[in-house]
Amino acid sequence: MLHPGDQAPFFSLPDADMEQFALAALIGHHHAVVYFYPRDDTPGCTMEALEFTDLQSEFDQADTHVIGISRDSCSSHGVFRDRHGITIHLLSDSDGETCESYGVWREKEAHGEKRMGIVRSTFVIDRQGWIRHALYDVKPKGHAIEVLHLVRALPSD
C-alpha cells in the first residue's frame, strides 16, 4: 500500500487510442489524479468516469491531469469512452503491473466468493511526483468532487 509522502510509482501505459502515456511526462509540470477502477461500463465505474469528465475543466484550471486505469483492453476503453463521452485519459494495465505497484490489486469478496480484483482507489500526485493523498476502497458517487477539493488544497509551488 502507498501512503502520502511516498514517491508515486512511474508507469507508461497505452490509452484508448493505443498511444503510450507516461506519468513521468507530467512531473515538474502538472499535478495528477490517478484513479483505479474495476471495469469499463459497469454502473459504478461509469458514474465515476462521468463525474471526473463533468469536472474536467475545473481539474484543468487546477493544472491537474486526471487518469483512469483498469485492466481492460485499449479497445474496451475506446468503446467505453465513446459510448459515454468520457474526456479523461483511460489507460490499459492489461498485465496488472501498475495495479500491483500501487497496491490496488487485491483479493476481494463478492457474493460469498473470493477473487482477485482492483480495489477502487485514487491517488493525488503533486508536480514533483509525491503522493499527497492515497485513497483506497472509495465509493464512486461524489468522489470526483471530493478529489477536486483535495487538488485545490495543494500548494501552488
C-alpha atoms as a PDB file:
ATOM      1  CA  MET A   1       0.000   0.000   0.000  1.00  0.00           C
ATOM      2  CA  LEU A   2       1.161   3.504  -0.791  1.00  0.00           C
ATOM      3  CA  HIS A   3       0.882   6.429   1.610  1.00  0.00           C
ATOM      4  CA  PRO A   4       1.080  10.219   1.471  1.00  0.00           C
ATOM      5  CA  GLY A   5       4.733  11.196   1.201  1.00  0.00           C
ATOM      6  CA  ASP A   6       5.670   8.177  -0.938  1.00  0.00           C
ATOM      7  CA  GLN A   7       7.118   8.707  -4.396  1.00  0.00           C
ATOM      8  CA  ALA A   8       4.483   7.787  -6.986  1.00  0.00           C
ATOM      9  CA  PRO A   9       5.459   4.711  -8.995  1.00  0.00           C
ATOM     10  CA  PHE A  10       6.048   5.737 -12.598  1.00  0.00           C
ATOM     11  CA  PHE A  11       4.244   3.953 -15.389  1.00  0.00           C
ATOM     12  CA  SER A  12       3.846   4.102 -19.127  1.00  0.00           C
ATOM     13  CA  LEU A  13       0.628   2.550 -20.403  1.00  0.00           C
ATOM     14  CA  PRO A  14      -1.403   2.625 -23.608  1.00  0.00           C
ATOM     15  CA  ASP A  15      -4.584   4.685 -23.767  1.00  0.00           C
ATOM     16  CA  ALA A  16      -7.857   4.044 -25.585  1.00  0.00           C
ATOM     17  CA  ASP A  17      -6.175   5.022 -28.875  1.00  0.00           C
ATOM     18  CA  MET A  18      -3.207   2.702 -28.163  1.00  0.00           C
ATOM     19  CA  GLU A  19      -0.841   5.649 -27.634  1.00  0.00           C
ATOM     20  CA  GLN A  20       1.594   5.443 -24.729  1.00  0.00           C
ATOM     21  CA  PHE A  21       1.025   7.788 -21.816  1.00  0.00           C
ATOM     22  CA  ALA A  22       3.792   8.191 -19.231  1.00  0.00           C
ATOM     23  CA  LEU A  23       3.287   9.642 -15.764  1.00  0.00           C
ATOM     24  CA  ALA A  24       6.870  10.933 -15.914  1.00  0.00           C
ATOM     25  CA  ALA A  25       5.816  13.408 -18.640  1.00  0.00           C
ATOM     26  CA  LEU A  26       3.677  15.275 -16.079  1.00  0.00           C
ATOM     27  CA  ILE A  27       6.362  15.550 -13.393  1.00  0.00           C
ATOM     28  CA  GLY A  28       7.572  19.118 -12.978  1.00  0.00           C
ATOM     29  CA  HIS A  29       4.612  20.449 -14.986  1.00  0.00           C
ATOM     30  CA  HIS A  30       1.247  19.244 -13.653  1.00  0.00           C
ATOM     31  CA  HIS A  31      -0.444  17.597 -10.704  1.00  0.00           C
ATOM     32  CA  ALA A  32      -2.051  14.225 -11.424  1.00  0.00           C
ATOM     33  CA  VAL A  33      -5.059  12.324 -10.198  1.00  0.00           C
ATOM     34  CA  VAL A  34      -4.570   8.635 -10.900  1.00  0.00           C
ATOM     35  CA  TYR A  35      -7.622   6.555 -10.164  1.00  0.00           C
ATOM     36  CA  PHE A  36      -8.009   2.812 -10.493  1.00  0.00           C
ATOM     37  CA  TYR A  37     -11.381   1.297 -11.283  1.00  0.00           C
ATOM     38  CA  PRO A  38     -12.515  -2.321 -11.657  1.00  0.00           C
ATOM     39  CA  ARG A  39     -14.146  -2.473 -15.085  1.00  0.00           C
ATOM     40  CA  ASP A  40     -15.352  -0.436 -18.063  1.00  0.00           C
ATOM     41  CA  ASP A  41     -19.080   0.081 -18.485  1.00  0.00           C
ATOM     42  CA  THR A  42     -20.203  -1.082 -15.044  1.00  0.00           C
ATOM     43  CA  PRO A  43     -22.568   1.261 -13.160  1.00  0.00           C
ATOM     44  CA  GLY A  44     -20.093   2.479 -10.513  1.00  0.00           C
ATOM     45  CA  CYS A  45     -17.192   2.831 -12.931  1.00  0.00           C
ATOM     46  CA  THR A  46     -19.351   4.712 -15.431  1.00  0.00           C
ATOM     47  CA  MET A  47     -20.603   7.061 -12.697  1.00  0.00           C
ATOM     48  CA  GLU A  48     -17.048   7.744 -11.528  1.00  0.00           C
ATOM     49  CA  ALA A  49     -15.697   8.403 -15.044  1.00  0.00           C
ATOM     50  CA  LEU A  50     -18.618  10.707 -15.869  1.00  0.00           C
ATOM     51  CA  GLU A  51     -18.183  12.678 -12.653  1.00  0.00           C
ATOM     52  CA  PHE A  52     -14.484  13.209 -13.429  1.00  0.00           C
ATOM     53  CA  THR A  53     -15.432  14.155 -17.012  1.00  0.00           C
ATOM     54  CA  ASP A  54     -18.039  16.651 -15.777  1.00  0.00           C
ATOM     55  CA  LEU A  55     -15.338  18.342 -13.664  1.00  0.00           C
ATOM     56  CA  GLN A  56     -12.640  18.188 -16.374  1.00  0.00           C
ATOM     57  CA  SER A  57     -12.487  21.979 -16.855  1.00  0.00           C
ATOM     58  CA  GLU A  58     -12.105  22.534 -13.117  1.00  0.00           C
ATOM     59  CA  PHE A  59      -9.282  19.989 -12.914  1.00  0.00           C
ATOM     60  CA  ASP A  60      -7.696  21.753 -15.904  1.00  0.00           C
ATOM     61  CA  GLN A  61      -7.931  25.085 -14.053  1.00  0.00           C
ATOM     62  CA  ALA A  62      -6.169  23.411 -11.112  1.00  0.00           C
ATOM     63  CA  ASP A  63      -3.417  22.304 -13.534  1.00  0.00           C
ATOM     64  CA  THR A  64      -4.258  18.658 -12.861  1.00  0.00           C
ATOM     65  CA  HIS A  65      -4.365  15.761 -15.297  1.00  0.00           C
ATOM     66  CA  VAL A  66      -6.938  13.026 -14.496  1.00  0.00           C
ATOM     67  CA  ILE A  67      -6.058   9.449 -15.449  1.00  0.00           C
ATOM     68  CA  GLY A  68      -8.264   6.381 -15.048  1.00  0.00           C
ATOM     69  CA  ILE A  69      -6.629   2.935 -15.074  1.00  0.00           C
ATOM     70  CA  SER A  70      -8.139  -0.537 -15.260  1.00  0.00           C
ATOM     71  CA  ARG A  71      -7.044  -3.888 -16.636  1.00  0.00           C
ATOM     72  CA  ASP A  72      -9.492  -3.617 -19.536  1.00  0.00           C
ATOM     73  CA  SER A  73      -8.072  -3.542 -23.066  1.00  0.00           C
ATOM     74  CA  CYS A  74      -7.443  -0.393 -25.084  1.00  0.00           C
ATOM     75  CA  SER A  75     -10.345  -1.266 -27.373  1.00  0.00           C
ATOM     76  CA  SER A  76     -12.677  -1.724 -24.382  1.00  0.00           C
ATOM     77  CA  HIS A  77     -11.584   1.725 -23.140  1.00  0.00           C
ATOM     78  CA  GLY A  78     -12.290   3.198 -26.575  1.00  0.00           C
ATOM     79  CA  VAL A  79     -15.825   1.809 -26.656  1.00  0.00           C
ATOM     80  CA  PHE A  80     -16.425   2.934 -23.043  1.00  0.00           C
ATOM     81  CA  ARG A  81     -15.079   6.439 -23.755  1.00  0.00           C
ATOM     82  CA  ASP A  82     -17.051   6.884 -26.970  1.00  0.00           C
ATOM     83  CA  ARG A  83     -20.310   5.438 -25.621  1.00  0.00           C
ATOM     84  CA  HIS A  84     -20.377   7.820 -22.642  1.00  0.00           C
ATOM     85  CA  GLY A  85     -18.432  10.862 -23.923  1.00  0.00           C
ATOM     86  CA  ILE A  86     -15.640  10.413 -21.382  1.00  0.00           C
ATOM     87  CA  THR A  87     -12.886  13.026 -21.794  1.00  0.00           C
ATOM     88  CA  ILE A  88     -10.308  11.895 -19.243  1.00  0.00           C
ATOM     89  CA  HIS A  89      -7.412   9.607 -20.156  1.00  0.00           C
ATOM     90  CA  LEU A  90      -8.245   5.912 -19.752  1.00  0.00           C
ATOM     91  CA  LEU A  91      -5.188   3.665 -19.615  1.00  0.00           C
ATOM     92  CA  SER A  92      -4.935  -0.091 -20.009  1.00  0.00           C
ATOM     93  CA  ASP A  93      -2.874  -2.013 -17.458  1.00  0.00           C
ATOM     94  CA  SER A  94      -3.530  -5.392 -19.072  1.00  0.00           C
ATOM     95  CA  ASP A  95      -0.648  -7.161 -17.304  1.00  0.00           C
ATOM     96  CA  GLY A  96      -1.529  -5.600 -13.935  1.00  0.00           C
ATOM     97  CA  GLU A  97       1.976  -4.341 -13.104  1.00  0.00           C
ATOM     98  CA  THR A  98       0.843  -0.792 -12.386  1.00  0.00           C
ATOM     99  CA  CYS A  99      -2.084  -2.057 -10.297  1.00  0.00           C
ATOM    100  CA  GLU A 100       0.413  -4.115  -8.270  1.00  0.00           C
ATOM    101  CA  SER A 101       2.827  -1.188  -7.833  1.00  0.00           C
ATOM    102  CA  TYR A 102       0.025   0.998  -6.459  1.00  0.00           C
ATOM    103  CA  GLY A 103      -1.284  -1.771  -4.181  1.00  0.00           C
ATOM    104  CA  VAL A 104      -4.773  -1.868  -5.691  1.00  0.00           C
ATOM    105  CA  TRP A 105      -4.747  -5.480  -6.989  1.00  0.00           C
ATOM    106  CA  ARG A 106      -6.136  -7.441  -4.063  1.00  0.00           C
ATOM    107  CA  GLU A 107      -8.327 -10.310  -3.042  1.00  0.00           C
ATOM    108  CA  LYS A 108     -11.939  -9.179  -2.829  1.00  0.00           C
ATOM    109  CA  GLU A 109     -15.077 -10.925  -1.704  1.00  0.00           C
ATOM    110  CA  ALA A 110     -18.360 -10.532  -3.562  1.00  0.00           C
ATOM    111  CA  HIS A 111     -21.465 -12.646  -3.123  1.00  0.00           C
ATOM    112  CA  GLY A 112     -19.550 -15.016  -0.843  1.00  0.00           C
ATOM    113  CA  GLU A 113     -16.877 -15.633  -3.471  1.00  0.00           C
ATOM    114  CA  LYS A 114     -13.234 -14.578  -3.153  1.00  0.00           C
ATOM    115  CA  ARG A 115     -11.318 -13.434  -6.215  1.00  0.00           C
ATOM    116  CA  MET A 116      -8.574 -11.010  -7.199  1.00  0.00           C
ATOM    117  CA  GLY A 117      -9.596  -7.603  -8.487  1.00  0.00           C
ATOM    118  CA  ILE A 118      -8.945  -3.887  -8.457  1.00  0.00           C
ATOM    119  CA  VAL A 119      -9.897  -2.092  -5.268  1.00  0.00           C
ATOM    120  CA  ARG A 120     -11.320   1.272  -6.400  1.00  0.00           C
ATOM    121  CA  SER A 121      -8.590   3.707  -5.347  1.00  0.00           C
ATOM    122  CA  THR A 122      -7.383   7.235  -6.114  1.00  0.00           C
ATOM    123  CA  PHE A 123      -4.003   8.914  -5.759  1.00  0.00           C
ATOM    124  CA  VAL A 124      -3.403  12.650  -5.820  1.00  0.00           C
ATOM    125  CA  ILE A 125       0.158  13.254  -7.017  1.00  0.00           C
ATOM    126  CA  ASP A 126       1.840  16.647  -6.894  1.00  0.00           C
ATOM    127  CA  ARG A 127       4.042  18.197  -9.578  1.00  0.00           C
ATOM    128  CA  GLN A 128       7.174  16.692  -8.007  1.00  0.00           C
ATOM    129  CA  GLY A 129       5.772  13.169  -8.195  1.00  0.00           C
ATOM    130  CA  TRP A 130       4.946  12.767  -4.490  1.00  0.00           C
ATOM    131  CA  ILE A 131       1.720  11.159  -3.389  1.00  0.00           C
ATOM    132  CA  ARG A 132      -0.252  13.719  -1.395  1.00  0.00           C
ATOM    133  CA  HIS A 133      -3.366  11.576  -0.905  1.00  0.00           C
ATOM    134  CA  ALA A 134      -3.809   7.796  -1.184  1.00  0.00           C
ATOM    135  CA  LEU A 135      -7.488   6.853  -1.036  1.00  0.00           C
ATOM    136  CA  TYR A 136      -8.322   3.144  -1.044  1.00  0.00           C
ATOM    137  CA  ASP A 137     -11.722   1.464  -1.323  1.00  0.00           C
ATOM    138  CA  VAL A 138     -13.545   4.626  -2.351  1.00  0.00           C
ATOM    139  CA  LYS A 139     -17.198   4.892  -3.349  1.00  0.00           C
ATOM    140  CA  PRO A 140     -17.799   6.339  -6.819  1.00  0.00           C
ATOM    141  CA  LYS A 141     -20.730   8.674  -6.103  1.00  0.00           C
ATOM    142  CA  GLY A 142     -19.435  12.160  -5.289  1.00  0.00           C
ATOM    143  CA  HIS A 143     -15.814  11.001  -5.335  1.00  0.00           C
ATOM    144  CA  ALA A 144     -14.637  13.307  -8.148  1.00  0.00           C
ATOM    145  CA  ILE A 145     -15.732  16.477  -6.329  1.00  0.00           C
ATOM    146  CA  GLU A 146     -14.007  15.279  -3.147  1.00  0.00           C
ATOM    147  CA  VAL A 147     -10.808  14.746  -5.131  1.00  0.00           C
ATOM    148  CA  LEU A 148     -11.146  18.190  -6.741  1.00  0.00           C
ATOM    149  CA  HIS A 149     -11.249  19.749  -3.249  1.00  0.00           C
ATOM    150  CA  LEU A 150      -8.043  17.864  -2.347  1.00  0.00           C
ATOM    151  CA  VAL A 151      -6.352  19.068  -5.539  1.00  0.00           C
ATOM    152  CA  ARG A 152      -7.367  22.680  -4.930  1.00  0.00           C
ATOM    153  CA  ALA A 153      -5.755  22.486  -1.486  1.00  0.00           C
ATOM    154  CA  LEU A 154      -2.358  21.501  -2.921  1.00  0.00           C
ATOM    155  CA  PRO A 155       0.385  24.140  -2.674  1.00  0.00           C
ATOM    156  CA  SER A 156       0.709  26.084  -5.917  1.00  0.00           C
ATOM    157  CA  ASP A 157       4.544  25.666  -5.960  1.00  0.00           C
END
